[in-house]
N, C-alpha and C. Protein backbone atom coordinates (compact mmCIF):
# COMPACT_ATOMS: atom_id res chain seq x y z
N MET A 1 9.69 24.72 -60.22
CA MET A 1 9.76 23.61 -60.65
C MET A 1 11.00 22.77 -59.39
N SER A 2 10.38 21.62 -59.02
CA SER A 2 11.21 20.76 -58.04
C SER A 2 12.33 20.23 -58.24
N ILE A 3 13.28 19.91 -57.37
CA ILE A 3 14.59 19.15 -57.92
C ILE A 3 14.77 18.09 -58.45
N SER A 4 13.56 17.36 -58.06
CA SER A 4 12.95 15.90 -58.80
C SER A 4 12.78 16.35 -60.35
N GLU A 5 11.98 17.16 -60.60
CA GLU A 5 11.63 17.76 -61.90
C GLU A 5 12.57 17.94 -62.59
N ARG A 6 13.63 19.02 -61.92
CA ARG A 6 14.75 19.36 -62.88
C ARG A 6 15.71 18.49 -63.24
N ALA A 7 15.85 17.43 -62.23
CA ALA A 7 16.93 16.56 -62.06
C ALA A 7 16.44 15.42 -63.41
N SER A 8 15.24 15.18 -63.65
CA SER A 8 14.49 14.33 -65.00
C SER A 8 14.95 15.38 -66.07
N LEU A 9 14.60 16.18 -66.11
CA LEU A 9 14.39 17.49 -67.54
C LEU A 9 15.96 17.32 -67.47
N TYR A 10 17.26 17.39 -66.63
CA TYR A 10 18.54 17.65 -66.87
C TYR A 10 18.69 16.25 -67.59
N ALA A 11 18.46 15.04 -66.93
CA ALA A 11 18.68 13.69 -67.69
C ALA A 11 18.26 13.57 -69.24
N ARG A 12 16.93 13.97 -69.38
CA ARG A 12 16.42 14.00 -70.63
C ARG A 12 17.16 14.86 -71.61
N LEU A 13 17.42 16.09 -71.20
CA LEU A 13 18.19 17.14 -71.89
C LEU A 13 19.82 16.42 -72.55
N GLN A 14 20.44 16.09 -71.51
CA GLN A 14 21.65 15.06 -71.72
C GLN A 14 21.81 14.22 -72.44
N ALA A 15 20.77 13.28 -72.57
CA ALA A 15 20.59 12.18 -73.49
C ALA A 15 20.17 12.87 -74.90
N GLY A 16 19.36 13.78 -75.09
CA GLY A 16 19.13 14.22 -76.40
C GLY A 16 20.31 14.91 -77.01
N LEU A 17 21.27 15.73 -76.33
CA LEU A 17 22.30 16.18 -76.27
C LEU A 17 23.02 15.29 -77.10
N ALA A 18 23.41 14.09 -76.53
CA ALA A 18 24.35 13.12 -76.72
C ALA A 18 23.68 12.63 -77.96
N GLU A 19 22.57 12.23 -78.33
CA GLU A 19 22.00 11.88 -79.48
C GLU A 19 22.34 12.53 -80.62
N LEU A 20 22.22 13.78 -80.46
CA LEU A 20 22.68 14.79 -81.31
C LEU A 20 24.48 15.19 -81.62
N GLY A 21 25.14 14.12 -81.06
CA GLY A 21 26.86 14.40 -80.93
C GLY A 21 26.92 15.51 -80.36
N LEU A 22 26.55 16.17 -79.28
CA LEU A 22 27.03 17.56 -78.52
C LEU A 22 27.38 17.09 -77.43
N ALA A 23 28.37 17.65 -76.70
CA ALA A 23 28.56 17.35 -75.20
C ALA A 23 29.14 18.41 -74.47
N PRO A 24 28.19 19.34 -74.70
CA PRO A 24 28.43 20.71 -73.49
C PRO A 24 28.50 20.38 -72.10
N GLY A 25 29.30 21.25 -71.47
CA GLY A 25 29.48 20.97 -70.02
C GLY A 25 28.35 21.24 -69.09
N ALA A 26 28.66 20.72 -67.77
CA ALA A 26 27.23 20.77 -67.16
C ALA A 26 26.93 22.50 -66.83
N ASP A 27 27.49 23.18 -66.59
CA ASP A 27 27.30 24.66 -66.88
C ASP A 27 26.21 25.09 -67.62
N ALA A 28 26.65 24.46 -69.00
CA ALA A 28 25.71 24.97 -70.08
C ALA A 28 24.32 24.22 -69.86
N CYS A 29 24.76 23.16 -69.67
CA CYS A 29 23.36 22.27 -69.60
C CYS A 29 22.36 22.79 -68.34
N GLU A 30 23.04 23.39 -67.25
CA GLU A 30 22.14 24.50 -66.38
C GLU A 30 21.48 25.54 -66.75
N ARG A 31 22.34 26.06 -67.57
CA ARG A 31 21.90 27.36 -67.85
C ARG A 31 20.64 27.16 -69.11
N LEU A 32 20.69 25.81 -70.03
CA LEU A 32 19.69 25.74 -70.95
C LEU A 32 18.58 25.51 -70.25
N LEU A 33 18.66 24.76 -69.11
CA LEU A 33 17.31 24.61 -68.29
C LEU A 33 16.80 25.58 -67.13
N ASP A 34 17.72 26.77 -67.08
CA ASP A 34 17.35 28.08 -66.14
C ASP A 34 16.74 28.97 -67.48
N TYR A 35 17.26 28.79 -68.51
CA TYR A 35 16.19 29.44 -69.76
C TYR A 35 15.10 28.82 -69.85
N LEU A 36 14.72 27.51 -69.80
CA LEU A 36 13.62 26.91 -70.15
C LEU A 36 12.41 27.29 -68.94
N GLU A 37 12.95 27.47 -67.65
CA GLU A 37 12.13 27.59 -66.30
C GLU A 37 11.66 29.10 -66.16
N LEU A 38 12.79 29.91 -66.90
CA LEU A 38 12.12 31.36 -66.99
C LEU A 38 11.03 31.49 -68.33
N LEU A 39 11.34 30.40 -68.99
CA LEU A 39 10.37 30.95 -70.21
C LEU A 39 9.02 30.39 -69.94
N ALA A 40 9.15 29.44 -68.75
CA ALA A 40 8.01 28.52 -68.57
C ALA A 40 7.27 29.31 -67.83
N ARG A 41 8.20 30.33 -66.60
CA ARG A 41 7.26 31.35 -65.75
C ARG A 41 6.92 32.61 -66.60
N TRP A 42 7.43 32.96 -67.68
CA TRP A 42 7.28 34.33 -68.31
C TRP A 42 5.86 33.63 -69.29
N ASN A 43 5.56 32.80 -69.61
CA ASN A 43 4.80 32.00 -70.20
C ASN A 43 3.39 31.99 -69.92
N THR A 44 3.20 31.88 -68.46
CA THR A 44 1.99 31.82 -67.68
C THR A 44 1.07 33.31 -68.08
N THR A 45 2.08 34.17 -67.91
CA THR A 45 1.29 35.77 -68.16
C THR A 45 1.62 36.08 -69.62
N TYR A 46 2.38 36.10 -70.31
CA TYR A 46 2.78 36.69 -71.57
C TYR A 46 2.54 35.76 -72.85
N ASN A 47 2.26 34.43 -72.68
CA ASN A 47 1.93 33.76 -73.69
C ASN A 47 2.94 33.90 -74.87
N LEU A 48 4.13 33.12 -74.69
CA LEU A 48 5.34 33.49 -75.59
C LEU A 48 5.28 32.38 -76.63
N THR A 49 4.86 31.01 -75.88
CA THR A 49 4.95 29.87 -76.88
C THR A 49 3.92 29.18 -76.63
N ALA A 50 3.51 28.37 -77.32
CA ALA A 50 2.37 27.38 -77.37
C ALA A 50 2.76 26.36 -76.78
N VAL A 51 3.81 25.91 -76.65
CA VAL A 51 4.15 24.75 -75.77
C VAL A 51 4.56 24.74 -74.41
N ARG A 52 3.57 24.32 -73.51
CA ARG A 52 3.62 24.49 -72.14
C ARG A 52 4.39 23.81 -70.89
N GLY A 53 4.42 22.19 -71.63
CA GLY A 53 4.87 21.22 -70.42
C GLY A 53 6.27 21.52 -70.76
N PRO A 54 7.38 21.31 -69.63
CA PRO A 54 8.51 21.45 -69.56
C PRO A 54 9.20 20.08 -70.03
N VAL A 55 8.58 18.71 -70.44
CA VAL A 55 9.43 17.95 -71.00
C VAL A 55 9.09 18.08 -72.54
N GLU A 56 7.85 18.83 -72.97
CA GLU A 56 7.82 19.30 -74.51
C GLU A 56 8.39 20.32 -74.67
N MET A 57 9.12 21.22 -73.66
CA MET A 57 10.06 22.46 -74.21
C MET A 57 11.36 21.82 -74.30
N VAL A 58 11.84 20.89 -73.59
CA VAL A 58 13.45 20.32 -73.88
C VAL A 58 13.31 19.90 -75.16
N THR A 59 12.37 18.82 -75.81
CA THR A 59 12.19 18.22 -77.04
C THR A 59 12.01 19.52 -77.96
N ARG A 60 11.17 20.43 -78.00
CA ARG A 60 10.38 21.41 -79.03
C ARG A 60 11.42 22.65 -79.30
N HIS A 61 11.79 23.05 -77.95
CA HIS A 61 12.61 24.25 -77.71
C HIS A 61 14.24 24.11 -77.59
N LEU A 62 14.56 23.30 -76.83
CA LEU A 62 15.90 23.06 -76.79
C LEU A 62 16.56 22.19 -77.63
N LEU A 63 16.30 20.72 -77.67
CA LEU A 63 16.82 19.94 -78.74
C LEU A 63 16.19 20.41 -80.05
N ASP A 64 15.19 21.06 -80.41
CA ASP A 64 15.03 21.32 -82.14
C ASP A 64 15.70 22.34 -82.08
N SER A 65 16.03 23.37 -81.52
CA SER A 65 17.05 24.39 -81.60
C SER A 65 18.69 23.84 -81.80
N LEU A 66 18.96 23.24 -80.91
CA LEU A 66 20.22 22.68 -81.11
C LEU A 66 20.81 21.81 -82.38
N ALA A 67 19.47 21.14 -82.79
CA ALA A 67 19.82 20.15 -83.74
C ALA A 67 20.78 20.93 -84.90
N VAL A 68 20.60 22.13 -85.12
CA VAL A 68 21.47 22.83 -86.02
C VAL A 68 22.93 23.23 -85.27
N ALA A 69 23.01 23.07 -84.24
CA ALA A 69 24.25 23.65 -83.83
C ALA A 69 25.53 23.25 -84.68
N LYS A 70 25.68 22.18 -84.93
CA LYS A 70 27.02 21.70 -85.83
C LYS A 70 26.90 22.28 -87.41
N LEU A 71 26.03 22.78 -87.70
CA LEU A 71 26.08 23.61 -88.90
C LEU A 71 26.32 24.93 -88.95
N VAL A 72 26.38 25.77 -87.51
CA VAL A 72 26.66 27.18 -87.48
C VAL A 72 28.09 27.35 -87.56
N ARG A 73 28.19 28.31 -88.39
CA ARG A 73 29.84 28.61 -88.10
C ARG A 73 30.09 30.33 -88.28
N GLY A 74 31.28 30.74 -87.88
CA GLY A 74 31.73 31.92 -88.12
C GLY A 74 31.58 32.62 -86.62
N ASP A 75 32.17 33.83 -86.57
CA ASP A 75 32.16 34.61 -85.39
C ASP A 75 30.95 35.39 -84.97
N SER A 76 29.92 35.63 -85.70
CA SER A 76 28.79 36.23 -85.69
C SER A 76 27.56 35.48 -86.02
N LEU A 77 26.51 35.86 -85.46
CA LEU A 77 24.89 35.01 -85.94
C LEU A 77 23.77 36.13 -85.56
N ALA A 78 22.89 36.06 -86.67
CA ALA A 78 21.76 36.65 -86.23
C ALA A 78 20.72 35.69 -86.24
N ASP A 79 19.82 35.72 -85.43
CA ASP A 79 18.51 35.00 -85.29
C ASP A 79 17.29 35.98 -85.43
N LEU A 80 16.98 35.89 -86.75
CA LEU A 80 15.73 36.66 -87.28
C LEU A 80 14.51 35.98 -86.72
N GLY A 81 13.68 36.96 -86.50
CA GLY A 81 12.25 36.47 -86.15
C GLY A 81 12.38 35.78 -84.69
N THR A 82 13.21 35.71 -83.65
CA THR A 82 13.50 35.10 -82.83
C THR A 82 12.50 34.62 -81.63
N GLY A 83 11.89 35.34 -81.72
CA GLY A 83 10.42 34.94 -80.65
C GLY A 83 10.86 34.88 -79.32
N ALA A 84 10.81 33.84 -78.87
CA ALA A 84 11.00 33.80 -77.39
C ALA A 84 12.49 33.55 -77.39
N GLY A 85 13.46 33.71 -78.37
CA GLY A 85 14.88 33.54 -78.43
C GLY A 85 15.22 32.13 -78.77
N LEU A 86 14.68 31.54 -80.04
CA LEU A 86 14.80 30.23 -80.34
C LEU A 86 15.13 30.45 -82.15
N PRO A 87 16.15 29.78 -82.29
CA PRO A 87 17.23 28.84 -81.56
C PRO A 87 18.17 29.58 -81.15
N GLY A 88 18.11 31.14 -81.09
CA GLY A 88 19.43 31.90 -80.83
C GLY A 88 19.86 31.77 -79.27
N ILE A 89 19.03 31.71 -78.39
CA ILE A 89 19.69 31.72 -77.02
C ILE A 89 20.20 30.35 -76.59
N PRO A 90 19.54 29.21 -77.16
CA PRO A 90 20.45 27.52 -76.83
C PRO A 90 21.44 28.08 -77.51
N LEU A 91 21.56 28.55 -78.50
CA LEU A 91 22.94 28.38 -79.37
C LEU A 91 23.69 29.10 -78.77
N ALA A 92 23.45 30.16 -78.39
CA ALA A 92 24.35 31.27 -77.79
C ALA A 92 25.25 30.69 -76.53
N ILE A 93 24.12 30.06 -75.58
CA ILE A 93 24.54 29.16 -74.69
C ILE A 93 25.61 28.33 -74.76
N LEU A 94 25.27 27.52 -76.15
CA LEU A 94 26.35 26.61 -76.48
C LEU A 94 27.68 26.86 -77.02
N ALA A 95 27.74 28.42 -77.21
CA ALA A 95 28.82 28.76 -77.91
C ALA A 95 28.92 30.53 -77.44
N PRO A 96 29.79 30.64 -76.48
CA PRO A 96 30.18 31.65 -75.70
C PRO A 96 31.11 32.55 -76.54
N GLU A 97 31.78 32.17 -77.55
CA GLU A 97 32.48 32.52 -78.14
C GLU A 97 32.38 33.58 -79.16
N ARG A 98 30.96 32.95 -79.72
CA ARG A 98 30.38 33.70 -80.96
C ARG A 98 29.28 34.87 -80.37
N ARG A 99 29.44 35.85 -81.05
CA ARG A 99 28.76 37.08 -80.94
C ARG A 99 27.14 36.72 -81.71
N HIS A 100 26.29 36.93 -80.80
CA HIS A 100 24.63 36.66 -81.45
C HIS A 100 23.63 37.74 -81.31
N VAL A 101 22.89 38.04 -82.18
CA VAL A 101 22.40 39.35 -82.40
C VAL A 101 20.75 38.40 -82.47
N LEU A 102 19.88 39.03 -81.50
CA LEU A 102 18.33 38.28 -81.56
C LEU A 102 17.71 39.60 -82.04
N ILE A 103 16.80 39.23 -83.21
CA ILE A 103 16.13 40.44 -83.67
C ILE A 103 14.61 39.71 -83.64
N ASP A 104 13.68 40.72 -83.31
CA ASP A 104 12.38 40.49 -83.21
C ASP A 104 11.60 41.99 -83.28
N SER A 105 10.33 42.05 -83.51
CA SER A 105 9.73 43.46 -83.70
C SER A 105 8.54 43.23 -82.29
N ASN A 106 8.50 42.21 -81.61
CA ASN A 106 7.39 41.91 -80.67
C ASN A 106 7.72 42.70 -79.30
N GLY A 107 7.12 43.69 -78.89
CA GLY A 107 7.56 44.14 -77.78
C GLY A 107 7.40 43.02 -76.57
N LYS A 108 6.56 42.23 -76.04
CA LYS A 108 6.61 41.54 -75.15
C LYS A 108 7.73 40.55 -75.21
N LYS A 109 7.89 40.04 -76.52
CA LYS A 109 9.02 39.24 -76.47
C LYS A 109 10.46 39.36 -76.07
N VAL A 110 10.44 40.69 -76.70
CA VAL A 110 11.86 41.54 -76.61
C VAL A 110 12.24 41.57 -74.94
N ARG A 111 10.81 41.86 -74.35
CA ARG A 111 11.17 42.29 -72.88
C ARG A 111 11.55 40.88 -72.20
N PHE A 112 11.16 39.74 -72.52
CA PHE A 112 11.23 38.46 -72.22
C PHE A 112 13.05 38.30 -72.49
N LEU A 113 13.20 38.68 -73.55
CA LEU A 113 14.90 38.29 -74.26
C LEU A 113 15.51 39.04 -73.30
N ARG A 114 15.20 40.24 -73.38
CA ARG A 114 16.18 41.14 -72.43
C ARG A 114 16.64 40.41 -71.14
N GLU A 115 15.15 40.21 -70.43
CA GLU A 115 15.52 39.51 -69.15
C GLU A 115 16.23 38.37 -68.85
N ALA A 116 15.79 37.38 -70.04
CA ALA A 116 16.83 36.10 -70.27
C ALA A 116 18.50 36.52 -70.25
N VAL A 117 18.48 37.28 -71.33
CA VAL A 117 20.16 37.84 -71.35
C VAL A 117 20.70 38.43 -69.87
N ARG A 118 19.69 39.19 -69.27
CA ARG A 118 20.15 39.53 -67.86
C ARG A 118 20.29 38.46 -66.77
N THR A 119 19.25 37.58 -66.75
CA THR A 119 19.27 36.84 -66.03
C THR A 119 20.40 35.64 -65.93
N LEU A 120 20.47 35.07 -67.37
CA LEU A 120 21.37 34.26 -67.58
C LEU A 120 22.90 34.55 -67.94
N ALA A 121 23.16 35.85 -67.67
CA ALA A 121 24.17 36.63 -67.84
C ALA A 121 25.06 36.42 -69.38
N LEU A 122 24.47 36.23 -70.31
CA LEU A 122 24.76 36.27 -71.90
C LEU A 122 25.36 37.37 -72.28
N SER A 123 26.79 37.48 -71.91
CA SER A 123 27.54 38.68 -72.37
C SER A 123 27.65 38.71 -73.87
N ASN A 124 27.31 37.54 -74.67
CA ASN A 124 27.81 37.29 -75.73
C ASN A 124 26.33 37.75 -76.63
N VAL A 125 25.12 37.90 -76.19
CA VAL A 125 24.03 38.18 -76.84
C VAL A 125 23.53 39.56 -76.60
N ARG A 126 23.00 40.08 -77.79
CA ARG A 126 22.32 41.13 -77.97
C ARG A 126 20.96 41.04 -78.55
N VAL A 127 19.95 41.91 -78.12
CA VAL A 127 18.94 41.91 -78.48
C VAL A 127 18.47 43.27 -78.95
N GLU A 128 17.72 43.19 -80.27
CA GLU A 128 17.13 43.95 -81.21
C GLU A 128 15.79 44.14 -81.50
N GLN A 129 14.81 45.27 -80.99
CA GLN A 129 13.70 45.30 -81.37
C GLN A 129 13.48 46.07 -82.80
N CYS A 130 13.34 45.47 -83.70
CA CYS A 130 13.23 45.70 -84.67
C CYS A 130 12.74 44.92 -86.01
N ARG A 131 11.93 45.52 -86.97
CA ARG A 131 11.59 44.50 -88.12
C ARG A 131 12.90 43.76 -88.76
N VAL A 132 12.62 42.75 -89.26
CA VAL A 132 13.67 42.15 -90.24
C VAL A 132 14.37 43.19 -91.14
N GLU A 133 13.65 43.82 -91.71
CA GLU A 133 14.02 44.32 -93.06
C GLU A 133 14.57 45.91 -92.39
N ASP A 134 14.45 46.07 -91.14
CA ASP A 134 15.09 47.43 -90.70
C ASP A 134 16.50 47.17 -89.99
N ALA A 135 16.83 45.81 -89.82
CA ALA A 135 18.17 45.63 -88.97
C ALA A 135 19.06 45.68 -89.93
N ARG A 136 20.33 46.08 -89.20
CA ARG A 136 21.57 46.31 -89.76
C ARG A 136 22.46 45.85 -89.56
N GLY A 137 23.79 45.58 -90.05
CA GLY A 137 24.89 44.49 -90.05
C GLY A 137 25.10 43.77 -91.05
N GLN A 138 26.01 42.99 -91.04
CA GLN A 138 26.30 41.92 -91.59
C GLN A 138 26.62 40.66 -90.60
N PHE A 139 26.64 39.27 -91.00
CA PHE A 139 26.69 38.32 -89.89
C PHE A 139 27.39 37.12 -90.98
N ASP A 140 28.16 36.15 -90.27
CA ASP A 140 28.57 35.31 -90.70
C ASP A 140 27.62 34.25 -91.11
N CYS A 141 26.66 34.21 -90.24
CA CYS A 141 25.53 32.80 -90.01
C CYS A 141 24.01 33.84 -89.97
N ILE A 142 23.33 33.25 -90.36
CA ILE A 142 21.81 34.01 -90.32
C ILE A 142 21.19 32.28 -89.66
N THR A 143 20.22 32.38 -88.84
CA THR A 143 19.17 31.58 -88.49
C THR A 143 17.78 31.94 -88.31
N ALA A 144 17.08 31.26 -88.82
CA ALA A 144 15.40 31.64 -88.74
C ALA A 144 14.78 30.46 -88.89
N ARG A 145 13.86 30.67 -87.98
CA ARG A 145 12.99 29.38 -87.67
C ARG A 145 11.50 29.49 -88.22
N ALA A 146 11.49 29.31 -89.85
CA ALA A 146 10.44 29.06 -90.61
C ALA A 146 9.18 30.34 -90.19
N PHE A 147 9.72 31.65 -90.14
CA PHE A 147 8.83 32.65 -89.76
C PHE A 147 8.30 33.08 -91.40
N ALA A 148 8.76 32.48 -92.06
CA ALA A 148 7.93 33.10 -93.64
C ALA A 148 8.60 32.12 -94.69
N THR A 149 8.39 32.14 -95.85
CA THR A 149 8.98 31.16 -96.97
C THR A 149 10.21 31.75 -97.36
N LEU A 150 11.19 30.96 -97.89
CA LEU A 150 12.42 31.30 -98.03
C LEU A 150 12.68 32.55 -98.86
N GLY A 151 11.88 32.60 -99.81
CA GLY A 151 12.19 33.75 -100.46
C GLY A 151 11.56 34.73 -100.07
N GLU A 152 10.46 35.22 -99.23
CA GLU A 152 10.33 35.98 -98.19
C GLU A 152 11.15 36.51 -97.05
N MET A 153 11.66 35.47 -96.63
CA MET A 153 12.92 35.75 -95.78
C MET A 153 14.09 36.45 -96.21
N LEU A 154 14.46 35.87 -97.35
CA LEU A 154 15.64 36.50 -98.17
C LEU A 154 15.43 37.83 -98.47
N LYS A 155 14.04 37.95 -99.05
CA LYS A 155 13.86 39.63 -99.44
C LYS A 155 13.81 40.17 -98.29
N LEU A 156 13.32 39.78 -97.14
CA LEU A 156 13.44 40.72 -95.68
C LEU A 156 14.55 40.96 -95.47
N GLY A 157 15.57 39.93 -95.05
CA GLY A 157 16.64 40.13 -94.43
C GLY A 157 18.18 39.66 -95.07
N GLY A 158 17.91 39.06 -96.47
CA GLY A 158 19.30 38.67 -97.13
C GLY A 158 20.33 39.67 -96.92
N HIS A 159 20.07 41.30 -96.84
CA HIS A 159 21.25 42.18 -96.53
C HIS A 159 21.94 41.91 -95.47
N LEU A 160 21.48 41.18 -94.51
CA LEU A 160 22.09 40.97 -93.24
C LEU A 160 23.29 39.82 -93.68
N LEU A 161 23.10 39.10 -94.59
CA LEU A 161 24.08 37.92 -94.71
C LEU A 161 25.54 38.60 -95.15
N ALA A 162 26.75 38.10 -94.67
CA ALA A 162 27.71 38.24 -95.30
C ALA A 162 28.47 37.76 -96.25
N PRO A 163 29.09 38.02 -97.29
CA PRO A 163 29.47 37.50 -98.47
C PRO A 163 29.68 36.33 -98.46
N ASP A 164 30.42 36.01 -97.79
CA ASP A 164 30.91 34.01 -97.37
C ASP A 164 29.80 33.53 -96.27
N GLY A 165 28.72 34.01 -96.01
CA GLY A 165 28.09 33.71 -94.83
C GLY A 165 26.82 32.60 -95.44
N ILE A 166 26.89 32.12 -94.45
CA ILE A 166 25.64 31.11 -94.55
C ILE A 166 24.08 31.18 -93.84
N TRP A 167 23.12 31.02 -94.35
CA TRP A 167 21.80 31.27 -93.85
C TRP A 167 21.10 30.11 -93.73
N ILE A 168 20.77 29.61 -92.38
CA ILE A 168 20.24 28.22 -92.08
C ILE A 168 18.66 28.58 -91.73
N ALA A 169 18.07 28.02 -92.47
CA ALA A 169 16.48 28.19 -92.13
C ALA A 169 15.82 26.77 -91.77
N LEU A 170 15.18 26.79 -90.39
CA LEU A 170 14.70 25.66 -90.11
C LEU A 170 13.23 25.56 -90.35
N LYS A 171 13.09 24.27 -91.31
CA LYS A 171 11.78 24.15 -91.65
C LYS A 171 11.24 23.09 -91.38
N GLY A 172 9.67 22.79 -91.72
CA GLY A 172 9.24 21.31 -91.92
C GLY A 172 9.90 20.50 -92.99
N GLN A 173 8.99 20.43 -93.80
CA GLN A 173 9.20 19.70 -95.02
C GLN A 173 9.33 20.95 -96.08
N LEU A 174 10.48 21.04 -96.92
CA LEU A 174 10.62 21.99 -97.86
C LEU A 174 10.13 21.35 -99.22
N SER A 175 9.45 22.31 -99.94
CA SER A 175 8.76 22.05 -101.36
C SER A 175 9.69 22.35 -102.23
N LYS A 176 9.95 21.61 -103.37
CA LYS A 176 10.73 22.14 -104.69
C LYS A 176 10.47 23.42 -104.84
N ASP A 177 8.98 24.34 -104.95
CA ASP A 177 8.77 25.35 -105.52
C ASP A 177 9.22 26.41 -104.48
N GLU A 178 9.25 25.88 -103.10
CA GLU A 178 9.83 27.04 -102.21
C GLU A 178 11.15 27.05 -102.40
N ILE A 179 12.12 26.01 -102.64
CA ILE A 179 13.67 26.13 -102.97
C ILE A 179 13.78 26.75 -103.85
N LEU A 180 12.88 26.60 -105.38
CA LEU A 180 13.23 27.70 -106.50
C LEU A 180 12.78 29.13 -106.25
N GLY A 181 12.08 29.32 -105.22
CA GLY A 181 11.63 30.51 -105.12
C GLY A 181 12.48 31.70 -104.22
N VAL A 182 13.74 31.11 -104.24
CA VAL A 182 14.85 32.10 -103.61
C VAL A 182 14.89 33.18 -104.76
N PRO A 183 15.10 34.72 -104.15
CA PRO A 183 15.32 35.60 -105.01
C PRO A 183 16.59 35.58 -105.67
N PRO A 184 17.12 36.05 -106.79
CA PRO A 184 18.35 36.52 -107.29
C PRO A 184 19.50 36.69 -106.59
N GLY A 185 20.54 35.95 -106.66
CA GLY A 185 21.71 36.53 -105.59
C GLY A 185 21.84 35.47 -104.62
N PHE A 186 20.76 34.33 -104.41
CA PHE A 186 21.03 33.50 -103.75
C PHE A 186 20.93 32.08 -104.02
N VAL A 187 21.09 31.05 -103.21
CA VAL A 187 20.89 29.92 -103.65
C VAL A 187 21.15 28.83 -102.77
N VAL A 188 20.10 27.67 -102.79
CA VAL A 188 19.82 27.06 -101.66
C VAL A 188 20.85 25.72 -101.98
N ALA A 189 22.11 26.00 -101.29
CA ALA A 189 23.07 25.24 -101.61
C ALA A 189 22.81 23.75 -101.12
N GLU A 190 22.18 23.31 -99.81
CA GLU A 190 21.90 21.98 -99.56
C GLU A 190 20.71 22.19 -98.66
N VAL A 191 19.80 20.99 -98.61
CA VAL A 191 18.95 20.83 -97.65
C VAL A 191 19.11 19.50 -96.89
N LYS A 192 19.20 19.68 -95.40
CA LYS A 192 19.63 18.69 -94.65
C LYS A 192 18.58 18.47 -93.63
N ALA A 193 18.36 16.83 -93.56
CA ALA A 193 17.21 16.35 -92.58
C ALA A 193 17.74 16.49 -91.02
N LEU A 194 17.04 17.04 -90.60
CA LEU A 194 17.47 16.67 -88.94
C LEU A 194 16.88 15.93 -88.27
N HIS A 195 17.07 15.33 -87.29
CA HIS A 195 16.70 14.39 -86.25
C HIS A 195 16.77 15.11 -84.68
N VAL A 196 15.66 15.28 -84.71
CA VAL A 196 15.74 15.89 -83.23
C VAL A 196 15.35 14.87 -82.36
N PRO A 197 15.79 14.54 -81.26
CA PRO A 197 15.63 13.54 -80.24
C PRO A 197 14.24 13.52 -79.67
N GLY A 198 13.42 12.59 -79.65
CA GLY A 198 12.21 12.75 -79.31
C GLY A 198 11.10 13.30 -79.83
N LEU A 199 11.19 14.11 -81.20
CA LEU A 199 10.44 14.46 -81.87
C LEU A 199 9.64 13.67 -82.98
N GLY A 200 8.62 13.51 -83.17
CA GLY A 200 7.87 12.57 -84.12
C GLY A 200 7.62 13.53 -85.02
N ALA A 201 8.22 14.28 -85.85
CA ALA A 201 8.11 15.29 -87.05
C ALA A 201 9.36 15.70 -87.72
N ALA A 202 8.90 15.90 -89.08
CA ALA A 202 10.05 15.97 -90.16
C ALA A 202 10.27 17.59 -89.84
N ARG A 203 12.03 17.34 -89.73
CA ARG A 203 12.82 18.93 -89.92
C ARG A 203 13.66 18.81 -90.78
N GLN A 204 13.86 19.72 -91.26
CA GLN A 204 14.84 20.18 -92.59
C GLN A 204 15.73 21.64 -92.23
N ALA A 205 16.78 21.90 -92.79
CA ALA A 205 17.68 22.71 -92.48
C ALA A 205 17.75 23.16 -93.89
N ALA A 206 17.43 24.26 -94.55
CA ALA A 206 17.89 24.81 -95.99
C ALA A 206 18.90 25.50 -95.56
N ILE A 207 20.30 25.14 -96.33
CA ILE A 207 21.59 25.93 -96.33
C ILE A 207 21.87 26.90 -97.39
N ILE A 208 21.50 28.07 -97.20
CA ILE A 208 21.48 29.37 -98.18
C ILE A 208 22.58 30.22 -98.45
N LYS A 209 23.31 30.04 -99.71
CA LYS A 209 24.55 31.13 -99.76
C LYS A 209 24.24 31.90 -100.76
N ARG A 210 25.20 32.84 -100.83
CA ARG A 210 25.01 34.09 -101.92
C ARG A 210 25.78 33.43 -103.17
N THR A 211 25.02 33.80 -104.16
CA THR A 211 25.81 33.31 -105.44
C THR A 211 26.82 34.15 -105.92
N ASN A 212 26.72 35.31 -105.39
CA ASN A 212 28.25 35.99 -105.76
C ASN A 212 28.81 36.51 -104.27
N THR A 213 30.02 36.00 -103.89
CA THR A 213 30.55 36.26 -102.71
C THR A 213 30.97 37.67 -102.44
N GLN A 214 31.27 38.37 -103.82
CA GLN A 214 31.70 39.53 -103.87
C GLN A 214 30.42 40.61 -103.41
N GLU A 215 29.54 40.22 -103.38
CA GLU A 215 28.19 41.25 -103.22
C GLU A 215 28.05 41.37 -102.07
N ARG A 216 27.81 42.86 -101.69
CA ARG A 216 27.42 43.09 -100.40
C ARG A 216 26.57 44.40 -100.29
N ALA A 217 25.92 44.54 -99.42
CA ALA A 217 24.48 44.93 -99.09
C ALA A 217 25.02 47.00 -99.40
N ALA A 218 24.34 47.61 -99.98
CA ALA A 218 24.57 48.75 -100.33
C ALA A 218 24.69 49.52 -99.03
């Protein structure tokens, strides 16, 4: 990536972040672009994402991920089915004080994630290669970028949500049937429309909570 290309992407990223009401420092913006550059480089060999162009990556990967940054809360976050680290790595770059765990079962994606954590010196990120249902621990916040229906996601990973935690499911348009299909013990507390700068497609975040805050995984 040339200096002029990076400068153009930096300006685009900063404009998008401002539109989202986010104001990370220059170091965080540079790290976000370092992540994007690493992803683009690995993508030529490992086919980690269908999005190829750097400009489109800024919109569809960075800004799409960070559109939920203001919804995240707590000291720990698990990103389930994280793939190439979305939204987990952008969120971790913006919040170095929070502990992030990236969970995926795909070996080539996990190799990329570990290289990204090492290259970007993300001391607040741990990568786990396992299926969601086999993951352990409890987290204040869980993110999942539409790898299944709400009901299926919660059946696989609901045990990871802390009693007072929130699950943020990033989706396109949610149907009433999908909202009503969450398993017992959980409720969709809110559905928030997300505006992703430069993206001409609908995005929603379903905020899911436990119905019994005393419930804990066995």
